[in-house]
């Protein structure tokens, strides 16, 4: 079990995750198909995630683009352990994002990026209700110094996510540098990585990133001690190694294998407080996919 200090760390991790999740998957992917599996551990829960995303840029003028798209995530759970409540309502969860973004050049080196993402996150047992709806938004400033001998990219901004329960946006920072023809690194949240570029086709990496979700539960769950479960969340800090096969600069296949250094799966009450711990131990983490991305 996680000691109290780590439990407090997981609360902070959860807040960081839900505030930056809109940045993680929607700013660079034009198309993505992905499968993730978290195998069963001693808590007896196996997780499968299926993800599909498409974003279409439309040129509005010189260095101005409108980006529209959507992303779908489906989580499937297999429970091989007896729990003190009915688990059928948790076996399939869905997250549907609609993406609307605007990119414009505001300086020779700087671009402004705005992203608005309405989200439905639910088990959808009785259609759609008000608690399924969340809203994410980001205002980012992107500096790309690709003309330098050692190219750099800096992203700064603010991100707001209604799932945090915080009434204000949180800061975003992401810095990438190709400091050697075969080596590069990225610092920031929700992802840091260190990459070895063998050639234009083969790329290897070590990576540290946040993953997780926050989903409304329709037909609330009756938990022990007369507690009612209204939502489910996962927050995880994952360390992994990976390989990417690049067909060209934008199209690639990839695979990651790692371990969730810190992980906490919770059922939360109507105030988003901890109501029941589903899983609070690290676990293996496997992901593979295909993507078309800007970088």
C-alpha atoms as a PDB file:
ATOM      1  CA  UNK A   1       0.000   0.000   0.000  1.00  0.00           C
ATOM      2  CA  UNK A   2       1.106   3.573  -0.640  1.00  0.00           C
ATOM      3  CA  UNK A   3       2.249   5.453   2.436  1.00  0.00           C
ATOM      4  CA  UNK A   4       0.461   8.740   3.281  1.00  0.00           C
ATOM      5  CA  UNK A   5       3.196  10.990   1.816  1.00  0.00           C
ATOM      6  CA  UNK A   6       2.963   9.155  -1.502  1.00  0.00           C
ATOM      7  CA  UNK A   7      -0.821   9.408  -1.376  1.00  0.00           C
ATOM      8  CA  UNK A   8      -0.485  13.177  -1.115  1.00  0.00           C
ATOM      9  CA  UNK A   9       1.961  13.073  -4.040  1.00  0.00           C
ATOM     10  CA  UNK A  10      -0.597  11.132  -6.064  1.00  0.00           C
ATOM     11  CA  UNK A  11      -3.189  13.851  -5.445  1.00  0.00           C
ATOM     12  CA  UNK A  12      -0.789  16.414  -6.893  1.00  0.00           C
ATOM     13  CA  UNK A  13      -0.007  14.015  -9.749  1.00  0.00           C
ATOM     14  CA  UNK A  14      -3.725  13.645 -10.486  1.00  0.00           C
ATOM     15  CA  UNK A  15      -4.194  17.414 -10.641  1.00  0.00           C
ATOM     16  CA  UNK A  16      -1.228  17.817 -12.967  1.00  0.00           C
ATOM     17  CA  UNK A  17      -2.478  15.029 -15.211  1.00  0.00           C
ATOM     18  CA  UNK A  18      -5.993  16.325 -15.710  1.00  0.00           C
ATOM     19  CA  UNK A  19      -4.735  19.859 -16.306  1.00  0.00           C
ATOM     20  CA  UNK A  20      -2.281  18.860 -19.036  1.00  0.00           C
ATOM     21  CA  UNK A  21      -4.063  15.959 -20.738  1.00  0.00           C
ATOM     22  CA  UNK A  22      -5.428  18.227 -23.466  1.00  0.00           C
ATOM     23  CA  UNK A  23      -1.866  19.243 -24.346  1.00  0.00           C
ATOM     24  CA  UNK A  24      -0.577  15.680 -24.394  1.00  0.00           C
ATOM     25  CA  UNK A  25      -2.529  14.255 -27.291  1.00  0.00           C
ATOM     26  CA  UNK A  26      -4.046  17.061 -29.334  1.00  0.00           C
ATOM     27  CA  UNK A  27      -1.375  19.544 -30.389  1.00  0.00           C
ATOM     28  CA  UNK A  28       0.803  17.470 -32.729  1.00  0.00           C
ATOM     29  CA  UNK A  29      -1.173  14.385 -33.841  1.00  0.00           C
ATOM     30  CA  UNK A  30      -2.949  14.495 -37.183  1.00  0.00           C
ATOM     31  CA  UNK A  31      -3.906  10.822 -36.882  1.00  0.00           C
ATOM     32  CA  UNK A  32      -3.288   8.150 -34.246  1.00  0.00           C
ATOM     33  CA  UNK A  33      -4.344   4.572 -33.543  1.00  0.00           C
ATOM     34  CA  UNK A  34      -3.077   3.130 -30.261  1.00  0.00           C
ATOM     35  CA  UNK A  35      -3.467   0.164 -27.924  1.00  0.00           C
ATOM     36  CA  UNK A  36      -2.336   0.124 -24.283  1.00  0.00           C
ATOM     37  CA  UNK A  37      -2.468  -2.753 -21.806  1.00  0.00           C
ATOM     38  CA  UNK A  38      -1.802  -2.700 -18.066  1.00  0.00           C
ATOM     39  CA  UNK A  39      -1.615  -6.389 -17.094  1.00  0.00           C
ATOM     40  CA  UNK A  40      -3.228  -7.822 -13.995  1.00  0.00           C
ATOM     41  CA  UNK A  41      -1.299  -7.373 -10.772  1.00  0.00           C
ATOM     42  CA  UNK A  42      -2.091  -8.483  -7.207  1.00  0.00           C
ATOM     43  CA  UNK A  43      -5.199  -6.256  -7.190  1.00  0.00           C
ATOM     44  CA  UNK A  44      -6.662  -8.512  -9.907  1.00  0.00           C
ATOM     45  CA  UNK A  45      -7.509  -5.812 -12.470  1.00  0.00           C
ATOM     46  CA  UNK A  46      -6.381  -5.807 -16.107  1.00  0.00           C
ATOM     47  CA  UNK A  47      -6.833  -2.649 -18.189  1.00  0.00           C
ATOM     48  CA  UNK A  48      -7.063  -2.401 -21.986  1.00  0.00           C
ATOM     49  CA  UNK A  49      -7.239   0.980 -23.675  1.00  0.00           C
ATOM     50  CA  UNK A  50      -8.078   1.650 -27.319  1.00  0.00           C
ATOM     51  CA  UNK A  51      -7.415   5.116 -28.685  1.00  0.00           C
ATOM     52  CA  UNK A  52      -8.183   6.783 -32.014  1.00  0.00           C
ATOM     53  CA  UNK A  53      -7.603  10.424 -32.908  1.00  0.00           C
ATOM     54  CA  UNK A  54      -7.812  12.600 -35.994  1.00  0.00           C
ATOM     55  CA  UNK A  55      -7.147  16.326 -36.346  1.00  0.00           C
ATOM     56  CA  UNK A  56      -7.467  18.294 -39.587  1.00  0.00           C
ATOM     57  CA  UNK A  57      -5.697  21.656 -40.100  1.00  0.00           C
ATOM     58  CA  UNK A  58      -7.412  24.165 -42.385  1.00  0.00           C
ATOM     59  CA  UNK A  59      -5.347  27.065 -43.717  1.00  0.00           C
ATOM     60  CA  UNK A  60      -7.063  30.404 -43.113  1.00  0.00           C
ATOM     61  CA  UNK A  61      -4.325  32.666 -44.369  1.00  0.00           C
ATOM     62  CA  UNK A  62      -0.611  33.320 -44.206  1.00  0.00           C
ATOM     63  CA  UNK A  63       0.666  31.378 -41.156  1.00  0.00           C
ATOM     64  CA  UNK A  64      -2.886  31.008 -39.758  1.00  0.00           C
ATOM     65  CA  UNK A  65      -4.614  27.646 -39.289  1.00  0.00           C
ATOM     66  CA  UNK A  66      -7.838  26.338 -37.808  1.00  0.00           C
ATOM     67  CA  UNK A  67      -7.543  22.796 -36.430  1.00  0.00           C
ATOM     68  CA  UNK A  68     -10.644  20.641 -35.919  1.00  0.00           C
ATOM     69  CA  UNK A  69     -10.817  17.021 -34.882  1.00  0.00           C
ATOM     70  CA  UNK A  70     -11.805  14.453 -32.317  1.00  0.00           C
ATOM     71  CA  UNK A  71     -10.348  11.730 -30.129  1.00  0.00           C
ATOM     72  CA  UNK A  72     -11.943   8.605 -28.683  1.00  0.00           C
ATOM     73  CA  UNK A  73     -10.624   6.488 -25.802  1.00  0.00           C
ATOM     74  CA  UNK A  74     -12.252   3.228 -24.706  1.00  0.00           C
ATOM     75  CA  UNK A  75     -11.181   1.552 -21.458  1.00  0.00           C
ATOM     76  CA  UNK A  76     -12.055  -2.089 -20.831  1.00  0.00           C
ATOM     77  CA  UNK A  77     -11.454  -3.680 -17.417  1.00  0.00           C
ATOM     78  CA  UNK A  78     -11.257  -7.323 -16.427  1.00  0.00           C
ATOM     79  CA  UNK A  79     -11.811  -7.969 -12.711  1.00  0.00           C
ATOM     80  CA  UNK A  80     -10.386 -11.225 -11.346  1.00  0.00           C
ATOM     81  CA  UNK A  81     -11.007 -10.358  -7.712  1.00  0.00           C
ATOM     82  CA  UNK A  82     -14.079 -10.080  -5.500  1.00  0.00           C
ATOM     83  CA  UNK A  83     -14.977  -6.458  -4.699  1.00  0.00           C
ATOM     84  CA  UNK A  84     -17.596  -5.279  -2.172  1.00  0.00           C
ATOM     85  CA  UNK A  85     -19.809  -3.753  -4.904  1.00  0.00           C
ATOM     86  CA  UNK A  86     -21.085  -4.492  -8.405  1.00  0.00           C
ATOM     87  CA  UNK A  87     -18.331  -4.040 -10.987  1.00  0.00           C
ATOM     88  CA  UNK A  88     -20.371  -4.356 -14.198  1.00  0.00           C
ATOM     89  CA  UNK A  89     -20.881  -0.589 -14.381  1.00  0.00           C
ATOM     90  CA  UNK A  90     -17.080  -0.107 -14.501  1.00  0.00           C
ATOM     91  CA  UNK A  91     -16.211  -2.669 -17.161  1.00  0.00           C
ATOM     92  CA  UNK A  92     -16.282  -0.162 -20.041  1.00  0.00           C
ATOM     93  CA  UNK A  93     -15.517   3.552 -19.876  1.00  0.00           C
ATOM     94  CA  UNK A  94     -15.535   6.054 -22.731  1.00  0.00           C
ATOM     95  CA  UNK A  95     -13.888   9.438 -23.311  1.00  0.00           C
ATOM     96  CA  UNK A  96     -14.860  11.488 -26.366  1.00  0.00           C
ATOM     97  CA  UNK A  97     -13.032  14.749 -27.130  1.00  0.00           C
ATOM     98  CA  UNK A  98     -13.929  17.341 -29.745  1.00  0.00           C
ATOM     99  CA  UNK A  99     -10.937  19.526 -30.599  1.00  0.00           C
ATOM    100  CA  UNK A 100     -10.983  23.094 -31.852  1.00  0.00           C
ATOM    101  CA  UNK A 101      -7.669  24.895 -32.193  1.00  0.00           C
ATOM    102  CA  UNK A 102      -6.251  28.044 -33.761  1.00  0.00           C
ATOM    103  CA  UNK A 103      -2.590  28.594 -34.684  1.00  0.00           C
ATOM    104  CA  UNK A 104      -1.102  31.869 -35.868  1.00  0.00           C
ATOM    105  CA  UNK A 105       2.360  33.349 -36.227  1.00  0.00           C
ATOM    106  CA  UNK A 106       2.870  36.359 -33.941  1.00  0.00           C
ATOM    107  CA  UNK A 107       6.642  36.773 -34.388  1.00  0.00           C
ATOM    108  CA  UNK A 108       9.295  35.329 -36.746  1.00  0.00           C
ATOM    109  CA  UNK A 109      10.071  32.666 -34.110  1.00  0.00           C
ATOM    110  CA  UNK A 110       6.815  32.491 -32.140  1.00  0.00           C
ATOM    111  CA  UNK A 111       3.379  31.012 -32.794  1.00  0.00           C
ATOM    112  CA  UNK A 112       0.297  31.278 -30.615  1.00  0.00           C
ATOM    113  CA  UNK A 113      -1.829  28.152 -30.163  1.00  0.00           C
ATOM    114  CA  UNK A 114      -5.287  28.140 -28.586  1.00  0.00           C
ATOM    115  CA  UNK A 115      -7.086  24.844 -27.925  1.00  0.00           C
ATOM    116  CA  UNK A 116     -10.656  24.284 -26.735  1.00  0.00           C
ATOM    117  CA  UNK A 117     -11.708  20.692 -26.019  1.00  0.00           C
ATOM    118  CA  UNK A 118     -15.242  19.837 -24.895  1.00  0.00           C
ATOM    119  CA  UNK A 119     -15.191  16.303 -23.447  1.00  0.00           C
ATOM    120  CA  UNK A 120     -17.672  13.559 -22.635  1.00  0.00           C
ATOM    121  CA  UNK A 121     -16.268  11.078 -20.086  1.00  0.00           C
ATOM    122  CA  UNK A 122     -18.673   8.411 -18.882  1.00  0.00           C
ATOM    123  CA  UNK A 123     -19.732   4.782 -18.810  1.00  0.00           C
ATOM    124  CA  UNK A 124     -22.833   5.951 -20.785  1.00  0.00           C
ATOM    125  CA  UNK A 125     -25.221   3.524 -19.095  1.00  0.00           C
ATOM    126  CA  UNK A 126     -28.230   5.790 -19.644  1.00  0.00           C
ATOM    127  CA  UNK A 127     -27.214   8.022 -22.526  1.00  0.00           C
ATOM    128  CA  UNK A 128     -25.606  11.375 -21.661  1.00  0.00           C
ATOM    129  CA  UNK A 129     -26.125  13.465 -18.525  1.00  0.00           C
ATOM    130  CA  UNK A 130     -24.693  16.768 -17.283  1.00  0.00           C
ATOM    131  CA  UNK A 131     -21.957  15.169 -15.159  1.00  0.00           C
ATOM    132  CA  UNK A 132     -20.461  13.511 -18.247  1.00  0.00           C
ATOM    133  CA  UNK A 133     -19.451  16.883 -19.684  1.00  0.00           C
ATOM    134  CA  UNK A 134     -16.030  18.455 -19.035  1.00  0.00           C
ATOM    135  CA  UNK A 135     -14.168  21.287 -20.723  1.00  0.00           C
ATOM    136  CA  UNK A 136     -10.427  21.653 -21.359  1.00  0.00           C
ATOM    137  CA  UNK A 137      -8.691  24.712 -22.739  1.00  0.00           C
ATOM    138  CA  UNK A 138      -5.122  25.852 -23.343  1.00  0.00           C
ATOM    139  CA  UNK A 139      -3.355  29.014 -24.458  1.00  0.00           C
ATOM    140  CA  UNK A 140       0.175  28.215 -25.623  1.00  0.00           C
ATOM    141  CA  UNK A 141       3.106  30.077 -27.135  1.00  0.00           C
ATOM    142  CA  UNK A 142       5.350  27.941 -29.340  1.00  0.00           C
ATOM    143  CA  UNK A 143       8.873  28.967 -30.345  1.00  0.00           C
ATOM    144  CA  UNK A 144      10.531  26.784 -32.968  1.00  0.00           C
ATOM    145  CA  UNK A 145      14.214  27.390 -33.679  1.00  0.00           C
ATOM    146  CA  UNK A 146      14.606  24.700 -36.337  1.00  0.00           C
ATOM    147  CA  UNK A 147      16.999  26.776 -38.426  1.00  0.00           C
ATOM    148  CA  UNK A 148      19.748  26.478 -35.823  1.00  0.00           C
ATOM    149  CA  UNK A 149      22.481  23.851 -36.031  1.00  0.00           C
ATOM    150  CA  UNK A 150      21.038  22.389 -32.812  1.00  0.00           C
ATOM    151  CA  UNK A 151      17.257  22.864 -33.230  1.00  0.00           C
ATOM    152  CA  UNK A 152      15.158  23.749 -30.191  1.00  0.00           C
ATOM    153  CA  UNK A 153      11.449  24.000 -29.460  1.00  0.00           C
ATOM    154  CA  UNK A 154       9.893  25.770 -26.489  1.00  0.00           C
ATOM    155  CA  UNK A 155       6.197  25.703 -25.501  1.00  0.00           C
ATOM    156  CA  UNK A 156       4.919  27.945 -22.698  1.00  0.00           C
ATOM    157  CA  UNK A 157       1.370  28.657 -21.653  1.00  0.00           C
ATOM    158  CA  UNK A 158      -1.610  27.982 -19.442  1.00  0.00           C
ATOM    159  CA  UNK A 159      -4.057  25.058 -19.388  1.00  0.00           C
ATOM    160  CA  UNK A 160      -7.473  24.792 -17.746  1.00  0.00           C
ATOM    161  CA  UNK A 161      -9.323  21.526 -17.133  1.00  0.00           C
ATOM    162  CA  UNK A 162     -12.684  21.367 -15.349  1.00  0.00           C
ATOM    163  CA  UNK A 163     -11.929  17.880 -13.989  1.00  0.00           C
ATOM    164  CA  UNK A 164      -9.427  19.332 -11.516  1.00  0.00           C
ATOM    165  CA  UNK A 165     -12.064  21.296  -9.630  1.00  0.00           C
ATOM    166  CA  UNK A 166      -9.606  24.212  -9.585  1.00  0.00           C
ATOM    167  CA  UNK A 167     -11.116  27.540 -10.767  1.00  0.00           C
ATOM    168  CA  UNK A 168      -7.917  28.743 -12.439  1.00  0.00           C
ATOM    169  CA  UNK A 169      -5.509  27.582 -15.182  1.00  0.00           C
ATOM    170  CA  UNK A 170      -2.192  25.901 -14.442  1.00  0.00           C
ATOM    171  CA  UNK A 171       1.148  26.564 -16.180  1.00  0.00           C
ATOM    172  CA  UNK A 172       2.469  24.516 -19.106  1.00  0.00           C
ATOM    173  CA  UNK A 173       6.127  24.194 -20.101  1.00  0.00           C
ATOM    174  CA  UNK A 174       7.759  21.931 -22.666  1.00  0.00           C
ATOM    175  CA  UNK A 175      11.304  22.229 -24.017  1.00  0.00           C
ATOM    176  CA  UNK A 176      12.885  20.044 -26.707  1.00  0.00           C
ATOM    177  CA  UNK A 177      16.448  20.189 -28.029  1.00  0.00           C
ATOM    178  CA  UNK A 178      18.399  18.164 -30.597  1.00  0.00           C
ATOM    179  CA  UNK A 179      21.796  18.771 -28.992  1.00  0.00           C
ATOM    180  CA  UNK A 180      23.629  16.242 -31.212  1.00  0.00           C
ATOM    181  CA  UNK A 181      22.811  14.770 -34.649  1.00  0.00           C
ATOM    182  CA  UNK A 182      21.902  11.488 -32.917  1.00  0.00           C
ATOM    183  CA  UNK A 183      20.642  12.693 -29.515  1.00  0.00           C
ATOM    184  CA  UNK A 184      17.736  14.827 -28.277  1.00  0.00           C
ATOM    185  CA  UNK A 185      15.751  15.387 -25.102  1.00  0.00           C
ATOM    186  CA  UNK A 186      12.422  16.839 -23.960  1.00  0.00           C
ATOM    187  CA  UNK A 187      11.763  18.417 -20.560  1.00  0.00           C
ATOM    188  CA  UNK A 188       8.295  19.257 -19.326  1.00  0.00           C
ATOM    189  CA  UNK A 189       4.905  18.000 -18.198  1.00  0.00           C
ATOM    190  CA  UNK A 190       3.243  15.586 -18.922  1.00  0.00           C
ATOM    191  CA  UNK A 191       6.280  14.017 -20.665  1.00  0.00           C
ATOM    192  CA  UNK A 192      10.067  13.954 -20.512  1.00  0.00           C
ATOM    193  CA  UNK A 193      12.218  11.852 -22.813  1.00  0.00           C
ATOM    194  CA  UNK A 194      15.757  11.180 -23.990  1.00  0.00           C
ATOM    195  CA  UNK A 195      16.098   9.903 -27.560  1.00  0.00           C
ATOM    196  CA  UNK A 196      18.765   8.233 -29.669  1.00  0.00           C
ATOM    197  CA  UNK A 197      18.250   8.757 -33.405  1.00  0.00           C
ATOM    198  CA  UNK A 198      20.083   5.860 -35.036  1.00  0.00           C
ATOM    199  CA  UNK A 199      19.170   7.211 -38.472  1.00  0.00           C
ATOM    200  CA  UNK A 200      16.140   8.712 -40.216  1.00  0.00           C
ATOM    201  CA  UNK A 201      14.227   5.424 -39.782  1.00  0.00           C
ATOM    202  CA  UNK A 202      15.057   3.985 -36.350  1.00  0.00           C
ATOM    203  CA  UNK A 203      14.679   5.866 -33.057  1.00  0.00           C
ATOM    204  CA  UNK A 204      15.092   4.641 -29.464  1.00  0.00           C
ATOM    205  CA  UNK A 205      14.012   6.466 -26.309  1.00  0.00           C
ATOM    206  CA  UNK A 206      13.700   6.413 -22.561  1.00  0.00           C
ATOM    207  CA  UNK A 207      10.662   8.312 -21.332  1.00  0.00           C
ATOM    208  CA  UNK A 208       8.914   9.441 -18.144  1.00  0.00           C
ATOM    209  CA  UNK A 209       5.288  10.528 -18.508  1.00  0.00           C
ATOM    210  CA  UNK A 210       1.936  10.962 -16.783  1.00  0.00           C
ATOM    211  CA  UNK A 211      -1.076   8.907 -17.810  1.00  0.00           C
ATOM    212  CA  UNK A 212      -4.595   8.441 -16.525  1.00  0.00           C
ATOM    213  CA  UNK A 213      -8.232   9.467 -16.791  1.00  0.00           C
ATOM    214  CA  UNK A 214     -11.198  10.951 -14.931  1.00  0.00           C
ATOM    215  CA  UNK A 215     -14.628   9.525 -15.855  1.00  0.00           C
ATOM    216  CA  UNK A 216     -18.166  10.051 -14.529  1.00  0.00           C
ATOM    217  CA  UNK A 217     -20.070   6.985 -13.308  1.00  0.00           C
ATOM    218  CA  UNK A 218     -23.747   6.986 -14.183  1.00  0.00           C
ATOM    219  CA  UNK A 219     -25.990   4.915 -11.879  1.00  0.00           C
ATOM    220  CA  UNK A 220     -23.723   5.663  -8.920  1.00  0.00           C
ATOM    221  CA  UNK A 221     -22.081   2.772  -7.059  1.00  0.00           C
ATOM    222  CA  UNK A 222     -23.082   1.817  -3.509  1.00  0.00           C
ATOM    223  CA  UNK A 223     -19.789   1.372  -1.626  1.00  0.00           C
ATOM    224  CA  UNK A 224     -19.166   0.087   1.924  1.00  0.00           C
ATOM    225  CA  UNK A 225     -19.954   2.409   4.864  1.00  0.00           C
ATOM    226  CA  UNK A 226     -22.862   4.009   2.970  1.00  0.00           C
ATOM    227  CA  UNK A 227     -20.514   5.856   0.604  1.00  0.00           C
ATOM    228  CA  UNK A 228     -21.651   6.543  -2.961  1.00  0.00           C
ATOM    229  CA  UNK A 229     -19.141   6.353  -5.818  1.00  0.00           C
ATOM    230  CA  UNK A 230     -19.755   8.978  -8.526  1.00  0.00           C
ATOM    231  CA  UNK A 231     -16.582   8.884 -10.652  1.00  0.00           C
ATOM    232  CA  UNK A 232     -13.470   6.844 -11.312  1.00  0.00           C
ATOM    233  CA  UNK A 233      -9.934   8.067 -11.895  1.00  0.00           C
ATOM    234  CA  UNK A 234      -6.466   6.730 -12.600  1.00  0.00           C
ATOM    235  CA  UNK A 235      -3.249   8.691 -12.213  1.00  0.00           C
ATOM    236  CA  UNK A 236       0.099   7.110 -12.984  1.00  0.00           C
ATOM    237  CA  UNK A 237       3.724   8.121 -13.384  1.00  0.00           C
ATOM    238  CA  UNK A 238       5.238   5.766 -15.960  1.00  0.00           C
ATOM    239  CA  UNK A 239       8.883   5.115 -16.816  1.00  0.00           C
ATOM    240  CA  UNK A 240       9.439   3.285 -20.100  1.00  0.00           C
ATOM    241  CA  UNK A 241      11.776   2.515 -22.975  1.00  0.00           C
ATOM    242  CA  UNK A 242      10.558   2.611 -26.535  1.00  0.00           C
ATOM    243  CA  UNK A 243      11.264   2.148 -30.214  1.00  0.00           C
ATOM    244  CA  UNK A 244       9.883   4.092 -33.170  1.00  0.00           C
ATOM    245  CA  UNK A 245      10.044   3.088 -36.832  1.00  0.00           C
ATOM    246  CA  UNK A 246       9.686   6.183 -39.027  1.00  0.00           C
ATOM    247  CA  UNK A 247       8.420   5.808 -42.577  1.00  0.00           C
ATOM    248  CA  UNK A 248       9.175   9.519 -43.020  1.00  0.00           C
ATOM    249  CA  UNK A 249       9.330  12.620 -40.795  1.00  0.00           C
ATOM    250  CA  UNK A 250       5.606  12.450 -39.967  1.00  0.00           C
ATOM    251  CA  UNK A 251       4.490   8.798 -40.210  1.00  0.00           C
ATOM    252  CA  UNK A 252       5.668   6.151 -37.751  1.00  0.00           C
ATOM    253  CA  UNK A 253       4.978   2.957 -35.815  1.00  0.00           C
ATOM    254  CA  UNK A 254       5.974   2.881 -32.138  1.00  0.00           C
ATOM    255  CA  UNK A 255       6.058   0.673 -29.066  1.00  0.00           C
ATOM    256  CA  UNK A 256       6.697   1.342 -25.364  1.00  0.00           C
ATOM    257  CA  UNK A 257       7.362  -1.056 -22.493  1.00  0.00           C
ATOM    258  CA  UNK A 258       7.637   0.223 -18.955  1.00  0.00           C
ATOM    259  CA  UNK A 259       6.442   0.272 -15.388  1.00  0.00           C
ATOM    260  CA  UNK A 260       4.142   2.637 -13.500  1.00  0.00           C
ATOM    261  CA  UNK A 261       6.438   3.947 -10.785  1.00  0.00           C
ATOM    262  CA  UNK A 262       3.488   5.459  -8.946  1.00  0.00           C
ATOM    263  CA  UNK A 263      -0.103   4.475  -9.687  1.00  0.00           C
ATOM    264  CA  UNK A 264      -3.455   5.104  -8.060  1.00  0.00           C
ATOM    265  CA  UNK A 265      -6.849   3.973  -9.298  1.00  0.00           C
ATOM    266  CA  UNK A 266      -9.734   5.401  -7.282  1.00  0.00           C
ATOM    267  CA  UNK A 267     -13.477   5.542  -7.089  1.00  0.00           C
ATOM    268  CA  UNK A 268     -14.398   9.073  -5.988  1.00  0.00           C
ATOM    269  CA  UNK A 269     -17.503  10.429  -4.294  1.00  0.00           C
ATOM    270  CA  UNK A 270     -19.665  13.305  -5.508  1.00  0.00           C
ATOM    271  CA  UNK A 271     -17.109  15.825  -4.223  1.00  0.00           C
ATOM    272  CA  UNK A 272     -14.273  14.002  -6.032  1.00  0.00           C
ATOM    273  CA  UNK A 273     -12.812  12.814  -2.751  1.00  0.00           C
ATOM    274  CA  UNK A 274     -11.288   9.353  -2.344  1.00  0.00           C
ATOM    275  CA  UNK A 275     -14.072   6.828  -1.737  1.00  0.00           C
ATOM    276  CA  UNK A 276     -12.484   3.452  -2.596  1.00  0.00           C
ATOM    277  CA  UNK A 277      -8.991   2.439  -3.716  1.00  0.00           C
ATOM    278  CA  UNK A 278      -9.010   0.047  -6.663  1.00  0.00           C
ATOM    279  CA  UNK A 279      -5.263  -0.137  -7.260  1.00  0.00           C
ATOM    280  CA  UNK A 280      -2.325   1.638  -5.637  1.00  0.00           C
ATOM    281  CA  UNK A 281       0.652  -0.471  -6.688  1.00  0.00           C
ATOM    282  CA  UNK A 282       2.974  -0.096  -9.651  1.00  0.00           C
ATOM    283  CA  UNK A 283       2.484  -2.332 -12.641  1.00  0.00           C
ATOM    284  CA  UNK A 284       3.843  -3.177 -16.089  1.00  0.00           C
ATOM    285  CA  UNK A 285       2.715  -0.886 -18.889  1.00  0.00           C
ATOM    286  CA  UNK A 286       2.731  -1.778 -22.605  1.00  0.00           C
ATOM    287  CA  UNK A 287       1.732   0.460 -25.525  1.00  0.00           C
ATOM    288  CA  UNK A 288       1.905   0.252 -29.309  1.00  0.00           C
ATOM    289  CA  UNK A 289       0.489   2.368 -32.097  1.00  0.00           C
ATOM    290  CA  UNK A 290       0.626   4.150 -35.434  1.00  0.00           C
ATOM    291  CA  UNK A 291       0.651   7.924 -35.846  1.00  0.00           C
ATOM    292  CA  UNK A 292       0.934  10.798 -38.256  1.00  0.00           C
ATOM    293  CA  UNK A 293       2.277  13.782 -36.347  1.00  0.00           C
ATOM    294  CA  UNK A 294       3.739  17.224 -36.941  1.00  0.00           C
ATOM    295  CA  UNK A 295       6.817  16.292 -34.873  1.00  0.00           C
END
